[in-house]
Amino acid sequence: MKKLFKSKKFWGYFFPALLLIFFILFLLYKGDSFNLGSKESPYKKVGYFVGGSPGSDLDIRRIRWHKHNGFERVVFDCYRYNGVLGKKSYILSKDTGVYEIGKDKKDALEIDGEIKGYTSFLASPPSFYKSKLIDSIEILKEDNDAYLFTLHLKKSTPYRVFTLNNPARIVIDLKD
C-alpha cells in the first residue's frame, strides 16, 4: 500500500479524478437534478413560471411583502387543513400546490397567477402603499381547488417565481 501512495502514476491519476468528481458534483448542485427546494429562477420580462408540489386542502393564510435592496418580494405562505376544527385547524404545509405565474406581454402591468390544490385563500392582501413596483393584488376563486390572482404593477419590471420548503412558500421577486 505504501508503494501505491509513493507512486507518481497513482498521483498522476488521483488529482485529475478528484477534480472530475468535484466538477460533476458542482454541475449536479447547480443543475435541476440536485434540488433542495426549488431552484431560484432567472428574471423574465415575459412568460410563465410553472411549478410547485401537488397538494390538497391547502390555504394561503398570509401574504407578505418586503422591500429589499434592488428588488421587492411577495411571499405566499402555504398552510393545509389538518382535519381538526378550531383555532389550530390549519398548519404550515410542506406542499405549495401547483402554480402557473407570469405575464403575456413584455410591458404588461399585471402578473397573473393560478394556484391549484387550495380549498381556501384566507390571506388579507398586504398594503403596497410604500412599494415602487406593486399597486395591488386581486384574488378570485376559479373552481373547487384553484384560485386566480393578479398582481397589479405600477411599472413593468422583470420578475421571477420560485418555491421555498419547510414551510412551503411561493415567492415572487420583482427587480427594481
Protein backbone atom coordinates (compact mmCIF):
# COMPACT_ATOMS: atom_id res chain seq x y z
CA MET A 1 0.00 0.00 0.00
CA LYS A 2 2.87 2.38 0.83
CA LYS A 3 4.26 1.74 -2.64
CA LEU A 4 0.96 2.80 -4.21
CA PHE A 5 0.92 6.19 -2.47
CA LYS A 6 4.57 6.84 -3.34
CA SER A 7 3.96 6.03 -6.98
CA LYS A 8 3.95 9.00 -9.40
CA LYS A 9 1.50 7.10 -11.58
CA PHE A 10 -1.05 6.99 -8.70
CA TRP A 11 -0.84 10.73 -8.04
CA GLY A 12 -0.97 11.39 -11.79
CA TYR A 13 -4.42 9.77 -11.91
CA PHE A 14 -5.64 10.73 -8.43
CA PHE A 15 -5.74 14.52 -8.79
CA PRO A 16 -7.46 14.61 -12.21
CA ALA A 17 -10.01 12.06 -10.95
CA LEU A 18 -10.62 14.15 -7.83
CA LEU A 19 -11.08 17.30 -9.92
CA LEU A 20 -13.52 15.45 -12.18
CA ILE A 21 -15.57 14.31 -9.17
CA PHE A 22 -15.75 17.86 -7.79
CA PHE A 23 -16.73 19.20 -11.20
CA ILE A 24 -19.56 16.64 -11.53
CA LEU A 25 -20.79 17.46 -8.01
CA PHE A 26 -20.73 21.17 -8.88
CA LEU A 27 -22.80 20.55 -12.02
CA LEU A 28 -25.29 18.47 -10.08
CA TYR A 29 -25.58 21.18 -7.43
CA LYS A 30 -26.09 23.95 -9.98
CA GLY A 31 -28.41 21.87 -12.18
CA ASP A 32 -32.02 20.86 -11.63
CA SER A 33 -31.15 17.31 -10.58
CA PHE A 34 -29.88 18.39 -7.14
CA ASN A 35 -32.85 20.38 -5.95
CA LEU A 36 -33.25 21.24 -2.26
CA GLY A 37 -36.45 23.18 -2.60
CA SER A 38 -36.92 24.94 -5.86
CA LYS A 39 -34.01 26.48 -7.66
CA GLU A 40 -34.35 30.22 -7.91
CA SER A 41 -35.25 31.04 -11.48
CA PRO A 42 -33.73 33.80 -13.58
CA TYR A 43 -35.71 37.01 -14.01
CA LYS A 44 -38.07 37.23 -17.00
CA LYS A 45 -39.81 40.14 -18.69
CA VAL A 46 -42.46 37.90 -20.24
CA GLY A 47 -43.52 34.29 -19.87
CA TYR A 48 -44.75 31.96 -17.19
CA PHE A 49 -43.18 30.06 -14.33
CA VAL A 50 -44.79 26.67 -13.72
CA GLY A 51 -44.02 24.50 -10.72
CA GLY A 52 -44.88 23.65 -7.16
CA SER A 53 -45.76 20.43 -5.46
CA PRO A 54 -49.22 18.86 -5.69
CA GLY A 55 -51.31 19.15 -2.59
CA SER A 56 -54.90 19.27 -1.40
CA ASP A 57 -56.83 21.08 1.34
CA LEU A 58 -54.32 23.92 1.12
CA ASP A 59 -54.88 27.53 2.14
CA ILE A 60 -52.93 30.73 1.61
CA ARG A 61 -53.33 32.21 5.10
CA ARG A 62 -50.77 35.00 4.81
CA ILE A 63 -49.27 37.13 2.03
CA ARG A 64 -46.15 39.08 2.92
CA TRP A 65 -44.45 41.89 1.04
CA HIS A 66 -40.89 43.02 1.64
CA LYS A 67 -38.79 45.72 0.07
CA HIS A 68 -35.15 44.72 -0.39
CA ASN A 69 -32.15 46.41 -1.91
CA GLY A 70 -32.70 46.01 -5.66
CA PHE A 71 -35.96 44.04 -5.59
CA GLU A 72 -39.35 43.63 -3.94
CA ARG A 73 -40.65 40.26 -2.77
CA VAL A 74 -44.18 38.89 -2.38
CA VAL A 75 -44.44 35.65 -0.37
CA PHE A 76 -47.50 33.38 -0.22
CA ASP A 77 -47.39 31.26 2.96
CA CYS A 78 -48.95 27.84 2.36
CA TYR A 79 -50.97 26.08 5.04
CA ARG A 80 -53.04 22.90 4.96
CA TYR A 81 -56.15 21.77 6.78
CA ASN A 82 -55.24 19.13 9.39
CA GLY A 83 -58.74 17.71 9.88
CA VAL A 84 -59.33 19.31 13.28
CA LEU A 85 -61.85 22.07 13.81
CA GLY A 86 -60.96 25.11 15.81
CA LYS A 87 -58.11 27.55 16.19
CA LYS A 88 -55.37 25.10 15.10
CA SER A 89 -57.24 23.63 12.12
CA TYR A 90 -54.57 24.86 9.67
CA ILE A 91 -50.86 24.07 9.99
CA LEU A 92 -47.87 25.06 7.88
CA SER A 93 -47.72 22.91 4.77
CA LYS A 94 -44.89 21.01 3.10
CA ASP A 95 -46.65 21.41 -0.27
CA THR A 96 -47.17 24.58 -2.29
CA GLY A 97 -49.81 23.31 -4.65
CA VAL A 98 -49.22 23.62 -8.38
CA TYR A 99 -48.80 27.11 -9.78
CA GLU A 100 -48.54 28.97 -13.07
CA ILE A 101 -47.47 32.60 -12.65
CA GLY A 102 -46.37 35.18 -15.24
CA LYS A 103 -47.39 37.65 -17.90
CA ASP A 104 -48.12 37.52 -21.63
CA LYS A 105 -46.70 40.85 -22.79
CA LYS A 106 -43.32 42.40 -22.07
CA ASP A 107 -44.70 45.78 -20.96
CA ALA A 108 -47.81 44.44 -19.23
CA LEU A 109 -48.62 45.93 -15.83
CA GLU A 110 -50.12 42.71 -14.47
CA ILE A 111 -48.65 39.41 -13.34
CA ASP A 112 -51.32 36.70 -13.41
CA GLY A 113 -51.23 33.56 -11.33
CA GLU A 114 -53.19 30.38 -10.87
CA ILE A 115 -52.63 28.07 -7.90
CA LYS A 116 -54.24 24.63 -7.61
CA GLY A 117 -54.83 22.40 -4.60
CA TYR A 118 -56.39 25.15 -2.48
CA THR A 119 -59.74 24.88 -0.73
CA SER A 120 -59.45 28.39 0.69
CA PHE A 121 -57.49 31.62 0.39
CA LEU A 122 -57.98 33.44 3.68
CA ALA A 123 -55.00 35.79 3.47
CA SER A 124 -55.57 39.51 3.60
CA PRO A 125 -53.63 41.34 0.90
CA PRO A 126 -50.75 43.41 2.28
CA SER A 127 -50.61 47.14 1.83
CA PHE A 128 -48.37 48.14 -1.05
CA TYR A 129 -48.51 51.90 -0.45
CA LYS A 130 -44.72 52.07 0.12
CA SER A 131 -43.96 49.93 -2.94
CA LYS A 132 -42.34 51.45 -6.02
CA LEU A 133 -43.38 48.48 -8.15
CA ILE A 134 -46.67 46.98 -6.87
CA ASP A 135 -50.03 48.72 -6.83
CA SER A 136 -52.38 46.00 -5.55
CA ILE A 137 -53.34 42.32 -5.68
CA GLU A 138 -56.69 40.89 -6.73
CA ILE A 139 -57.72 37.34 -5.74
CA LEU A 140 -60.55 35.30 -7.31
CA LYS A 141 -61.80 31.74 -6.76
CA GLU A 142 -61.71 29.76 -10.01
CA ASP A 143 -63.16 26.36 -9.10
CA ASN A 144 -63.18 23.84 -6.23
CA ASP A 145 -59.42 23.67 -5.76
CA ALA A 146 -57.99 26.65 -7.66
CA TYR A 147 -57.57 30.38 -7.16
CA LEU A 148 -56.54 33.10 -9.57
CA PHE A 149 -54.70 36.24 -8.60
CA THR A 150 -53.46 39.33 -10.41
CA LEU A 151 -50.59 41.39 -9.13
CA HIS A 152 -51.15 44.92 -10.48
CA LEU A 153 -47.87 46.73 -11.11
CA LYS A 154 -47.01 50.43 -11.12
CA LYS A 155 -44.43 49.86 -13.86
CA SER A 156 -43.30 46.94 -15.97
CA THR A 157 -40.47 45.08 -14.28
CA PRO A 158 -38.58 41.78 -14.63
CA TYR A 159 -39.79 39.06 -12.22
CA ARG A 160 -39.03 35.55 -11.09
CA VAL A 161 -41.01 32.90 -9.23
CA PHE A 162 -39.76 30.05 -7.09
CA THR A 163 -40.75 28.00 -4.06
CA LEU A 164 -39.19 27.51 -0.66
CA ASN A 165 -39.74 24.46 1.52
CA ASN A 166 -40.24 23.76 5.24
CA PRO A 167 -42.61 25.57 5.45
CA ALA A 168 -43.84 25.79 1.88
CA ARG A 169 -43.92 29.24 0.29
CA ILE A 170 -44.44 30.59 -3.21
CA VAL A 171 -42.17 33.59 -3.84
CA ILE A 172 -42.42 36.31 -6.48
CA ASP A 173 -39.44 38.65 -6.80
CA LEU A 174 -39.73 41.87 -8.78
CA LYS A 175 -36.50 43.54 -9.89
CA ASP A 176 -36.30 47.28 -9.18
